[in-house]
């Protein structure tokens, strides 16, 4: 599946920074591919953070993506920093 604008929403905005939430059935490795968020290039800025729920129809994961590039409409995010990676009980 590809990026869908309905799945990206603003959580907070201040001082030129936006905190986003994104949910998708895609894997984190697909989301962090350069160009995945190109359709949102006019909204996403370098330094923005995206809180994400990924693989929601499989083995769900959650984490943070940092927007590390947005040049000429090509958006790239850093690899996801996972939240809750270990569950020992």
Protein backbone atom coordinates (compact mmCIF):
# COMPACT_ATOMS: atom_id res chain seq x y z
CA UNK A 1 0.00 0.00 0.00
CA UNK A 2 1.10 3.60 -0.42
CA UNK A 3 0.86 6.76 1.65
CA UNK A 4 -2.74 7.92 2.19
CA UNK A 5 -3.28 11.53 3.26
CA UNK A 6 -6.26 10.57 5.46
CA UNK A 7 -3.86 8.63 7.70
CA UNK A 8 -1.59 11.60 8.54
CA UNK A 9 -2.80 14.14 11.09
CA UNK A 10 -1.33 16.96 13.17
CA UNK A 11 -0.98 16.36 16.91
CA UNK A 12 0.77 19.64 17.79
CA UNK A 13 2.40 22.63 16.13
CA UNK A 14 4.70 25.24 17.65
CA UNK A 15 7.65 27.38 16.59
CA UNK A 16 7.79 25.97 13.06
CA UNK A 17 7.74 22.35 14.29
CA UNK A 18 4.92 19.88 13.76
CA UNK A 19 4.28 16.64 15.61
CA UNK A 20 2.32 14.26 13.41
CA UNK A 21 0.50 10.96 13.83
CA UNK A 22 0.42 8.42 11.00
CA UNK A 23 -1.17 4.99 10.82
CA UNK A 24 -0.68 2.42 8.08
CA UNK A 25 -0.76 -1.25 7.22
CA UNK A 26 2.68 -0.77 5.62
CA UNK A 27 5.85 -1.99 7.30
CA UNK A 28 8.22 0.53 8.90
CA UNK A 29 10.84 -0.37 6.27
CA UNK A 30 8.43 0.74 3.53
CA UNK A 31 7.48 3.97 5.28
CA UNK A 32 11.11 5.03 5.72
CA UNK A 33 11.82 4.66 2.01
CA UNK A 34 12.71 7.99 0.38
CA UNK A 35 9.68 9.28 -1.49
CA UNK A 36 7.02 7.53 0.58
CA UNK A 37 5.68 10.86 1.90
CA UNK A 38 6.14 12.87 -1.33
CA UNK A 39 2.41 13.63 -1.54
CA UNK A 40 2.77 15.44 1.81
CA UNK A 41 5.91 17.38 0.78
CA UNK A 42 4.09 20.71 1.06
CA UNK A 43 3.29 20.01 4.74
CA UNK A 44 6.28 18.10 6.13
CA UNK A 45 9.39 20.03 7.16
CA UNK A 46 12.86 18.83 8.05
CA UNK A 47 12.89 18.26 11.80
CA UNK A 48 9.21 17.33 12.08
CA UNK A 49 8.51 14.12 13.97
CA UNK A 50 5.93 11.53 12.96
CA UNK A 51 4.53 9.23 15.65
CA UNK A 52 3.51 6.14 13.73
CA UNK A 53 1.54 2.94 14.07
CA UNK A 54 2.78 0.55 11.36
CA UNK A 55 1.78 -2.89 10.09
CA UNK A 56 -1.62 -2.43 11.73
CA UNK A 57 -3.07 -5.43 9.91
CA UNK A 58 -0.20 -7.77 10.84
CA UNK A 59 2.27 -7.55 13.70
CA UNK A 60 1.70 -3.96 14.81
CA UNK A 61 4.59 -1.71 15.70
CA UNK A 62 4.91 1.87 16.84
CA UNK A 63 7.65 4.45 16.84
CA UNK A 64 8.99 7.78 15.70
CA UNK A 65 10.14 8.89 12.25
CA UNK A 66 12.22 12.07 11.90
CA UNK A 67 11.80 13.99 8.66
CA UNK A 68 15.44 14.35 7.64
CA UNK A 69 15.05 15.66 4.08
CA UNK A 70 12.50 17.45 1.94
CA UNK A 71 14.12 18.71 -1.23
CA UNK A 72 12.34 19.44 -4.51
CA UNK A 73 9.29 17.52 -3.31
CA UNK A 74 11.19 14.39 -2.29
CA UNK A 75 10.63 13.58 1.38
CA UNK A 76 12.81 11.20 3.35
CA UNK A 77 12.44 10.08 6.95
CA UNK A 78 15.02 8.37 9.14
CA UNK A 79 14.53 4.73 10.11
CA UNK A 80 11.85 4.30 12.75
CA UNK A 81 12.87 4.49 16.38
CA UNK A 82 10.67 1.78 17.84
CA UNK A 83 8.56 2.15 20.98
CA UNK A 84 7.90 -0.88 23.18
CA UNK A 85 10.27 -3.25 21.44
CA UNK A 86 10.46 -5.74 24.32
CA UNK A 87 7.63 -7.49 26.15
CA UNK A 88 9.02 -10.05 28.62
CA UNK A 89 5.67 -11.01 30.18
